[in-house]
Protein backbone atom coordinates (compact mmCIF):
# COMPACT_ATOMS: atom_id res chain seq x y z
CA MET A 1 15.16 -55.66 -38.45
CA ILE A 2 18.56 -53.97 -38.15
CA GLU A 3 21.21 -55.41 -40.49
CA ASP A 4 24.26 -57.15 -39.09
CA VAL A 5 26.65 -54.38 -40.20
CA SER A 6 24.68 -51.74 -38.30
CA ARG A 7 24.37 -54.04 -35.30
CA TYR A 8 28.12 -54.63 -35.33
CA LYS A 9 28.81 -50.88 -35.31
CA GLN A 10 26.48 -50.55 -32.33
CA PHE A 11 28.31 -53.43 -30.65
CA CYS A 12 31.73 -51.76 -31.14
CA GLN A 13 30.40 -48.49 -29.80
CA PHE A 14 28.85 -50.30 -26.83
CA ARG A 15 32.12 -51.98 -25.87
CA SER A 16 34.03 -48.70 -26.02
CA THR A 17 31.57 -46.77 -23.82
CA ILE A 18 30.01 -49.33 -21.49
CA ARG A 19 32.42 -48.74 -18.60
CA SER A 20 31.20 -45.19 -18.15
CA ALA A 21 27.54 -45.68 -19.14
CA THR A 22 24.97 -44.53 -16.59
CA ASP A 23 21.82 -44.86 -18.70
CA THR A 24 22.06 -48.57 -19.61
CA LEU A 25 20.15 -51.54 -18.24
CA ILE A 26 22.03 -54.83 -18.52
CA VAL A 27 19.99 -58.02 -18.53
CA GLY A 28 22.01 -61.18 -17.95
CA ILE A 29 20.17 -64.38 -18.87
CA ASP A 30 21.13 -67.91 -17.92
CA ILE A 31 19.67 -70.07 -20.69
CA ALA A 32 17.91 -73.37 -20.03
CA LYS A 33 15.67 -75.70 -22.00
CA ASP A 34 12.33 -74.74 -20.46
CA ARG A 35 12.81 -71.79 -18.09
CA HIS A 36 15.40 -69.00 -18.21
CA HIS A 37 16.82 -67.00 -15.28
CA ALA A 38 17.36 -63.26 -15.73
CA PHE A 39 19.30 -60.72 -13.67
CA PHE A 40 18.93 -56.93 -14.06
CA GLY A 41 21.71 -54.51 -13.23
CA THR A 42 23.83 -51.56 -14.38
CA PRO A 43 27.38 -51.37 -15.78
CA LEU A 44 28.50 -49.87 -12.45
CA GLY A 45 27.54 -53.08 -10.64
CA LYS A 46 24.27 -51.97 -9.08
CA THR A 47 21.61 -54.65 -8.77
CA LEU A 48 18.14 -53.55 -9.88
CA TRP A 49 16.30 -56.87 -9.82
CA ARG A 50 18.00 -60.03 -8.66
CA ARG A 51 15.94 -62.79 -10.24
CA LEU A 52 13.24 -63.23 -12.84
CA ILE A 53 12.31 -66.72 -14.02
CA PHE A 54 10.43 -66.82 -17.31
CA ASP A 55 9.30 -69.61 -19.63
CA ASN A 56 10.80 -70.31 -23.03
CA ASN A 57 7.69 -69.19 -24.91
CA LYS A 58 5.92 -66.03 -26.08
CA ALA A 59 4.26 -65.40 -22.71
CA GLY A 60 7.65 -65.74 -20.98
CA TYR A 61 9.31 -63.34 -23.40
CA ASP A 62 6.54 -60.79 -22.88
CA LYS A 63 7.03 -61.17 -19.13
CA LEU A 64 10.72 -60.38 -19.58
CA ILE A 65 10.07 -57.25 -21.65
CA THR A 66 7.43 -56.04 -19.18
CA GLN A 67 10.00 -56.25 -16.38
CA VAL A 68 12.60 -54.49 -18.54
CA ASN A 69 10.27 -51.60 -19.36
CA SER A 70 9.25 -51.25 -15.72
CA LEU A 71 12.86 -50.99 -14.53
CA CYS A 72 13.77 -48.54 -17.30
CA VAL A 73 10.97 -46.21 -16.25
CA GLN A 74 11.69 -46.62 -12.54
CA HIS A 75 15.44 -45.91 -12.83
CA ARG A 76 15.33 -43.57 -15.85
CA LEU A 77 17.36 -45.82 -18.16
CA SER A 78 17.21 -45.34 -21.92
CA LYS A 79 19.36 -48.19 -23.26
CA ILE A 80 18.90 -51.94 -22.89
CA VAL A 81 21.46 -54.70 -23.48
CA PHE A 82 20.76 -58.42 -23.22
CA GLY A 83 23.61 -60.83 -22.50
CA LEU A 84 23.19 -64.56 -23.19
CA GLU A 85 25.41 -67.55 -22.53
CA PRO A 86 24.96 -69.89 -25.53
CA THR A 87 23.62 -73.28 -24.43
CA GLY A 88 23.14 -75.73 -27.29
CA ASN A 89 20.42 -74.27 -29.49
CA TYR A 90 18.18 -73.21 -26.61
CA HIS A 91 19.31 -69.56 -26.72
CA LYS A 92 18.58 -69.06 -30.42
CA PRO A 93 14.78 -68.52 -30.31
CA LEU A 94 15.12 -65.89 -27.58
CA ALA A 95 18.03 -64.15 -29.28
CA SER A 96 16.24 -64.09 -32.64
CA TRP A 97 13.07 -62.73 -31.04
CA LEU A 98 14.98 -59.97 -29.23
CA ILE A 99 16.84 -58.97 -32.41
CA GLN A 100 13.56 -58.79 -34.31
CA LYS A 101 12.38 -56.39 -31.60
CA GLU A 102 15.59 -54.39 -32.31
CA PHE A 103 17.15 -54.96 -28.88
CA MET A 104 20.93 -55.18 -28.50
CA VAL A 105 21.97 -58.80 -27.89
CA MET A 106 25.44 -59.98 -26.80
CA LEU A 107 26.96 -63.41 -26.29
CA VAL A 108 29.16 -64.37 -23.36
CA SER A 109 31.33 -67.44 -23.86
CA GLY A 110 30.97 -70.39 -21.53
CA LYS A 111 34.68 -70.28 -20.69
CA ALA A 112 34.43 -66.63 -19.64
CA VAL A 113 31.44 -67.44 -17.43
CA SER A 114 33.30 -70.35 -15.84
CA ASP A 115 36.44 -68.27 -15.16
CA ASN A 116 34.45 -65.30 -13.85
CA ARG A 117 32.44 -67.55 -11.51
CA ASP A 118 35.52 -68.07 -9.32
CA LEU A 119 36.19 -64.33 -9.15
CA LEU A 120 32.63 -63.42 -8.17
CA ASN A 121 31.88 -66.21 -5.68
CA GLY A 122 35.35 -67.02 -4.39
CA ARG A 123 34.81 -70.67 -5.30
CA TRP A 124 33.24 -72.86 -7.95
CA ASP A 125 29.52 -72.86 -7.20
CA LYS A 126 27.16 -73.49 -10.14
CA ASN A 127 23.85 -71.72 -9.64
CA ASP A 128 21.39 -70.48 -12.25
CA THR A 129 20.59 -67.28 -10.35
CA LYS A 130 24.24 -66.48 -9.76
CA ASP A 131 25.13 -67.34 -13.35
CA SER A 132 22.69 -64.76 -14.72
CA ALA A 133 24.40 -62.14 -12.52
CA ASN A 134 27.74 -63.51 -13.76
CA VAL A 135 26.67 -62.96 -17.38
CA ALA A 136 25.50 -59.41 -16.58
CA ASP A 137 28.81 -58.66 -14.86
CA LEU A 138 30.80 -59.74 -17.92
CA VAL A 139 28.61 -57.70 -20.28
CA GLY A 140 28.98 -54.68 -17.99
CA ARG A 141 32.77 -54.92 -18.34
CA GLY A 142 32.62 -55.37 -22.11
CA LYS A 143 33.74 -59.01 -21.93
CA CYS A 144 31.22 -60.17 -24.50
CA GLN A 145 30.94 -61.13 -28.15
CA PHE A 146 28.88 -59.97 -31.09
CA TYR A 147 25.81 -62.09 -31.82
CA ASP A 148 25.91 -62.91 -35.51
CA ASN A 149 22.44 -63.08 -37.04
CA PRO A 150 22.87 -63.44 -40.84
CA GLY A 151 20.23 -63.52 -43.55
CA PRO A 152 18.18 -66.61 -44.45
CA GLU A 153 20.53 -67.82 -47.22
CA ILE A 154 23.64 -67.75 -45.03
CA MET A 155 21.70 -69.34 -42.18
CA ALA A 156 20.49 -72.10 -44.52
CA LEU A 157 24.08 -72.73 -45.64
CA ARG A 158 25.27 -72.97 -42.05
CA ASN A 159 22.52 -75.42 -41.16
CA LEU A 160 23.23 -77.62 -44.18
CA LEU A 161 26.99 -77.56 -43.57
CA SER A 162 26.37 -78.54 -39.95
CA LEU A 163 24.12 -81.38 -41.15
CA ARG A 164 26.78 -82.55 -43.60
CA LYS A 165 29.36 -82.55 -40.81
CA ARG A 166 27.13 -84.68 -38.57
CA LEU A 167 26.47 -87.12 -41.41
CA LYS A 168 30.19 -87.41 -42.16
CA ARG A 169 30.79 -88.23 -38.51
CA GLU A 170 28.05 -90.84 -38.59
CA GLU A 171 29.54 -92.43 -41.72
CA HIS A 172 32.97 -92.56 -40.10
CA SER A 173 31.49 -94.06 -36.93
CA ILE A 174 29.81 -96.88 -38.87
CA ARG A 175 32.94 -97.58 -40.90
CA MET A 176 35.02 -97.82 -37.69
CA ARG A 177 32.40 -100.14 -36.20
CA ILE A 178 32.73 -102.39 -39.23
CA ARG A 179 36.49 -102.32 -39.02
CA ASN A 180 36.89 -102.78 -35.25
CA SER A 181 33.91 -105.02 -34.49
CA LEU A 182 33.71 -107.25 -37.59
CA LEU A 183 36.91 -107.13 -39.60
CA SER A 184 39.17 -107.50 -36.55
CA LYS A 185 37.37 -110.71 -35.53
CA PHE A 186 36.64 -112.47 -38.79
CA PHE A 187 39.24 -111.30 -41.33
CA PRO A 188 42.09 -109.47 -39.49
CA GLU A 189 44.49 -109.90 -42.43
CA MET A 190 42.39 -107.47 -44.49
CA ASP A 191 42.78 -104.60 -42.01
CA ARG A 192 45.99 -103.37 -43.65
CA HIS A 193 44.03 -102.77 -46.87
CA TRP A 194 41.13 -100.96 -45.20
CA ARG A 195 42.19 -97.38 -46.00
CA SER A 196 42.07 -97.84 -49.78
CA ALA A 197 39.20 -98.63 -52.17
CA LEU A 198 36.28 -98.11 -49.80
CA GLU A 199 33.61 -99.39 -52.19
CA GLU A 200 35.44 -102.67 -52.71
CA ASN A 201 36.06 -103.10 -48.98
CA LEU A 202 32.40 -102.62 -48.17
CA ALA A 203 31.40 -105.10 -50.88
CA ILE A 204 33.80 -107.67 -49.42
CA ILE A 205 32.38 -107.14 -45.92
CA LYS A 206 28.82 -107.43 -47.20
CA TRP A 207 29.22 -110.55 -49.35
CA TYR A 208 32.48 -112.18 -48.21
CA LEU A 209 32.86 -111.49 -44.48
CA ASP A 210 33.86 -115.15 -44.07
CA PRO A 211 37.38 -115.63 -45.54
CA GLN A 212 36.54 -119.28 -46.24
CA LYS A 213 33.85 -118.13 -48.66
CA ILE A 214 36.47 -116.08 -50.54
CA ALA A 215 38.81 -119.07 -50.70
CA ALA A 216 35.97 -121.24 -52.05
CA THR A 217 35.18 -118.73 -54.83
CA ASP A 218 36.97 -118.46 -58.15
CA PHE A 219 39.20 -115.35 -58.19
CA ASP A 220 37.66 -113.89 -61.36
CA THR A 221 34.17 -114.32 -59.91
CA PHE A 222 35.33 -112.70 -56.67
CA VAL A 223 36.71 -109.68 -58.58
CA ARG A 224 33.55 -109.21 -60.65
CA HIS A 225 31.39 -109.44 -57.54
CA VAL A 226 33.18 -106.79 -55.42
CA THR A 227 34.16 -104.27 -58.11
CA LYS A 228 32.15 -101.82 -60.17
CA THR A 229 34.99 -99.98 -61.92
CA ASP A 230 38.08 -101.35 -63.61
CA ARG A 231 41.06 -99.53 -62.07
CA GLY A 232 43.76 -101.54 -63.76
CA ILE A 233 46.60 -103.70 -62.53
CA PRO A 234 46.99 -102.13 -59.02
CA GLN A 235 43.39 -103.02 -58.27
CA ILE A 236 43.89 -106.65 -59.35
CA ARG A 237 47.08 -106.93 -57.29
CA ARG A 238 45.36 -105.62 -54.19
CA LEU A 239 42.39 -108.00 -54.57
CA LYS A 240 44.77 -110.91 -55.25
CA THR A 241 46.59 -110.15 -51.98
CA ILE A 242 43.27 -110.21 -50.11
CA TYR A 243 42.24 -113.38 -51.93
CA ASP A 244 45.47 -115.19 -51.00
CA ALA A 245 45.25 -113.99 -47.37
CA ALA A 246 41.75 -115.47 -47.09
CA GLU A 247 43.08 -118.98 -47.63
CA ILE A 248 45.25 -118.81 -44.48
CA SER A 249 43.12 -116.43 -42.40
CA VAL A 250 43.03 -116.88 -38.63
CA GLY A 251 39.62 -115.22 -38.31
CA MET A 252 36.85 -116.57 -36.08
CA PRO A 253 33.94 -118.58 -37.51
CA VAL A 254 31.20 -116.37 -38.99
CA THR A 255 27.63 -116.95 -37.86
CA THR A 256 24.34 -115.99 -39.51
CA SER A 257 23.90 -113.07 -37.11
CA ASP A 258 27.37 -111.77 -38.02
CA ARG A 259 26.50 -111.82 -41.71
CA PHE A 260 23.24 -110.03 -40.98
CA GLU A 261 25.04 -107.32 -38.98
CA ALA A 262 27.64 -106.86 -41.71
CA LYS A 263 24.98 -106.47 -44.39
CA MET A 264 22.97 -103.97 -42.31
CA LEU A 265 26.03 -101.85 -41.49
CA VAL A 266 27.21 -101.73 -45.10
CA GLU A 267 23.75 -100.76 -46.29
CA LYS A 268 23.61 -98.07 -43.60
CA VAL A 269 26.91 -96.63 -44.84
CA GLY A 270 25.40 -96.43 -48.31
CA GLN A 271 22.31 -94.68 -46.97
CA VAL A 272 24.35 -92.12 -45.05
CA ARG A 273 26.56 -91.45 -48.08
CA THR A 274 23.44 -90.87 -50.17
CA MET A 275 22.22 -88.40 -47.56
CA ILE A 276 25.59 -86.63 -47.67
CA SER A 277 25.37 -86.40 -51.46
CA ASN A 278 21.82 -85.01 -51.29
CA THR A 279 22.87 -82.50 -48.64
CA MET A 280 25.76 -81.35 -50.81
CA GLU A 281 23.36 -80.87 -53.71
CA GLN A 282 21.24 -78.59 -51.52
CA ILE A 283 24.35 -76.66 -50.45
CA GLU A 284 25.35 -76.11 -54.07
CA LYS A 285 21.81 -75.15 -55.01
CA ILE A 286 21.63 -72.43 -52.35
CA SER A 287 25.18 -71.14 -52.80
CA SER A 288 24.95 -71.05 -56.63
CA SER A 289 22.30 -68.33 -56.40
CA MET A 290 24.72 -66.06 -54.51
CA GLN A 291 27.13 -63.92 -56.50
CA GLU A 292 29.91 -64.29 -53.94
CA ASN A 293 29.98 -68.06 -54.46
CA LYS A 294 31.06 -67.71 -58.10
CA LEU A 295 33.74 -65.21 -57.08
CA LEU A 296 35.13 -67.55 -54.43
CA GLN A 297 35.25 -70.51 -56.81
CA SER A 298 37.52 -68.45 -59.07
CA ILE A 299 40.25 -68.93 -56.43
CA PRO A 300 42.44 -71.96 -57.24
CA GLY A 301 41.73 -74.81 -54.83
CA PHE A 302 38.23 -73.58 -53.99
CA GLY A 303 35.49 -76.03 -54.95
CA PRO A 304 31.75 -75.94 -54.18
CA TYR A 305 32.17 -77.13 -50.59
CA ILE A 306 35.05 -74.83 -49.59
CA ALA A 307 33.43 -71.82 -51.27
CA ALA A 308 30.14 -72.48 -49.46
CA LEU A 309 31.94 -72.94 -46.14
CA VAL A 310 33.92 -69.69 -46.48
CA LEU A 311 30.79 -67.86 -47.57
CA SER A 312 28.79 -69.15 -44.59
CA VAL A 313 31.47 -68.28 -42.04
CA ILE A 314 32.25 -64.79 -43.32
CA GLY A 315 28.64 -63.89 -44.10
CA ASN A 316 28.57 -60.14 -44.67
CA PRO A 317 32.19 -59.17 -45.40
CA PHE A 318 31.62 -55.53 -44.42
CA ARG A 319 31.18 -56.39 -40.76
CA PHE A 320 34.96 -56.95 -40.55
CA ASN A 321 37.15 -53.85 -40.37
CA ASN A 322 40.56 -55.36 -41.12
CA ARG A 323 42.35 -58.55 -42.06
CA LYS A 324 43.38 -59.30 -38.49
CA GLN A 325 39.74 -59.92 -37.58
CA ILE A 326 39.37 -62.35 -40.49
CA ILE A 327 42.54 -64.21 -39.49
CA ARG A 328 41.33 -64.55 -35.89
CA LEU A 329 38.02 -65.88 -37.21
CA SER A 330 39.81 -68.92 -38.60
CA GLY A 331 42.31 -69.39 -35.76
CA PHE A 332 45.30 -68.71 -38.03
CA ASP A 333 46.44 -65.82 -35.81
CA LEU A 334 49.86 -66.32 -34.18
CA ASN A 335 50.34 -66.59 -30.42
CA ALA A 336 53.27 -67.43 -28.16
CA SER A 337 53.75 -67.99 -24.44
CA ARG A 338 56.21 -65.20 -23.60
CA SER A 339 57.15 -65.48 -19.97
CA GLY A 340 60.35 -65.65 -17.97
CA LYS A 341 63.78 -66.22 -19.44
CA THR A 342 62.48 -67.78 -22.66
CA SER A 343 60.15 -64.87 -23.53
CA ASN A 344 62.47 -63.48 -26.22
CA SER A 345 62.99 -66.86 -27.89
CA ALA A 346 59.38 -68.07 -27.80
CA VAL A 347 58.17 -69.31 -31.19
CA PRO A 348 54.64 -68.16 -32.14
CA VAL A 349 52.17 -70.80 -33.31
CA ILE A 350 48.65 -70.51 -34.67
CA SER A 351 46.05 -70.14 -31.93
CA LYS A 352 43.51 -72.67 -33.32
CA ARG A 353 40.83 -70.72 -31.43
CA GLY A 354 38.71 -69.97 -34.49
CA ASN A 355 36.56 -72.09 -36.78
CA GLY A 356 38.26 -75.49 -37.12
CA ASP A 357 36.27 -76.58 -40.18
CA LEU A 358 37.23 -73.38 -42.00
CA ARG A 359 40.87 -73.80 -41.05
CA TYR A 360 41.01 -77.39 -42.30
CA ALA A 361 39.20 -76.57 -45.55
CA LEU A 362 41.53 -73.66 -46.30
CA TYR A 363 44.58 -75.84 -45.69
CA GLN A 364 43.24 -78.40 -48.18
CA ALA A 365 42.68 -75.60 -50.69
CA ALA A 366 46.25 -74.37 -50.15
CA LEU A 367 47.57 -77.91 -50.56
CA ILE A 368 45.77 -78.35 -53.91
CA ALA A 369 46.68 -74.88 -55.18
CA SER A 370 50.37 -75.25 -54.27
CA TYR A 371 50.50 -78.41 -56.38
CA HIS A 372 48.34 -77.57 -59.39
CA ASN A 373 48.28 -73.79 -59.85
CA GLU A 374 51.29 -72.03 -61.36
CA HIS A 375 50.91 -68.80 -59.39
CA PHE A 376 50.38 -70.45 -56.00
CA ARG A 377 53.14 -72.97 -56.70
CA ARG A 378 55.55 -70.12 -57.44
CA ILE A 379 54.76 -68.20 -54.26
CA TYR A 380 54.87 -71.40 -52.21
CA HIS A 381 58.37 -72.26 -53.40
CA ARG A 382 59.46 -68.65 -52.87
CA MET A 383 58.30 -68.94 -49.24
CA LEU A 384 60.27 -72.19 -48.88
CA LYS A 385 63.49 -70.85 -50.43
CA GLY A 386 66.41 -71.19 -48.03
CA ARG A 387 64.34 -73.02 -45.39
CA GLU A 388 63.81 -76.38 -47.09
CA ALA A 389 65.72 -78.29 -44.38
CA GLU A 390 63.62 -76.98 -41.49
CA ARG A 391 61.39 -79.54 -39.84
CA GLY A 392 57.71 -79.14 -40.75
CA ILE A 393 58.36 -76.06 -42.85
CA ARG A 394 56.19 -77.23 -45.76
CA THR A 395 53.16 -77.57 -43.52
CA LYS A 396 53.85 -74.16 -41.95
CA MET A 397 54.12 -72.47 -45.32
CA ARG A 398 50.88 -74.04 -46.52
CA VAL A 399 49.17 -72.79 -43.36
CA LYS A 400 50.53 -69.33 -44.17
CA LEU A 401 49.26 -69.72 -47.73
CA ALA A 402 45.85 -70.82 -46.41
CA ALA A 403 45.62 -67.67 -44.30
CA LYS A 404 46.45 -65.61 -47.38
CA MET A 405 43.73 -67.37 -49.33
CA LEU A 406 41.21 -66.41 -46.64
CA ILE A 407 42.21 -62.75 -46.94
CA ILE A 408 41.87 -62.99 -50.72
CA ALA A 409 38.41 -64.55 -50.36
CA TRP A 410 37.31 -61.75 -48.03
CA THR A 411 38.67 -59.14 -50.45
CA LEU A 412 36.86 -60.67 -53.43
CA MET A 413 33.59 -60.70 -51.50
CA LYS A 414 33.96 -57.03 -50.63
CA LYS A 415 35.03 -55.83 -54.06
CA LYS A 416 32.77 -58.16 -56.06
CA GLU A 417 35.71 -59.24 -58.22
CA VAL A 418 37.04 -62.55 -59.53
CA PHE A 419 40.45 -63.82 -58.48
CA ASP A 420 43.47 -62.02 -59.90
CA PRO A 421 46.98 -63.51 -59.43
CA ALA A 422 48.11 -59.98 -58.57
CA TYR A 423 46.49 -60.48 -55.16
CA LEU A 424 49.30 -62.90 -54.28
CA SER A 425 51.87 -60.11 -54.34
CA SER A 426 49.92 -57.90 -51.91
């Protein structure tokens, strides 16, 4: 199978020559769950075969290739390009199979398909047959994206990071259900303390959802029951405030079913957090076997999670030609709406069109490094010098520092080097 770097070079060459190509067959495919629709045409807009419906299985794929070979022979075409609109995960088996057969595969974004639909049809008219022609039209004009197909280790990292993200969302959903469905009804006075000491809060919900039960319990017994770690005087003060509020709580009466629900939800939070911990262990296990992971963790602010995330997003660093491509990957590239009288005074802002998880993780790394690392703290304050009074300037400078950290990470992966503070001056 052709490596991603070679495939990317082919992709760049394709985009630069497709407008004038006369020997290329373009296959636009509208992806579905069970049956795909394919359209066959040329970059010059000639239709060779309007519709082919094939199943999402080996027999269907063979049917597709048979039609492709027939048209290539009939019209004397030597190059074949497949364009897919990503739909959930349904496009991945077909794309992987085509890449294994060393065909050129492109992606067309859903937004581009939606916008181009109006231009082709004159109105919004969703149709699977027309959409496959829409995809082929975009590919024929070079309005497509490279299909990233990394190795098994990077793919495993991406899958595990996606799983971790879903589990984190599930944990947050359960916690909000506890807060908004239980706490707000039975112990509303405790809501102001919800954001701190999660373990203690969950223990209180599980065993003391009824404020009257707290008031009927000795304070020292209450503290021993809901705490596992002694965090000193601030912890005691917080629990004492909750304990005193329970005596005058205006919460509704708690029934047996409410206690049962509270116990089940708290236990489910614990189960999900255990799953998150186990997933993180798998992420560290896979990433620790990769040399680039150790290099990335040499950057101040980069821990196991951030290093694994950066590694999974960048993949093969040699498929990027310059730093601008890396910056766009994260959505840190600057854009401004320059139109009319205000065009000269428009203030650029980051596009936020790239990977949001990567952008957030890098900002957290920049935040930690600007506080705890001497070299990053020095450059951060140098960036702030003379602009301290500007509104939001600290956040902006940390975003700028996060973008710089991404460039450093990419450089370390290419050069196989550990972090050197000299990189901050480049």
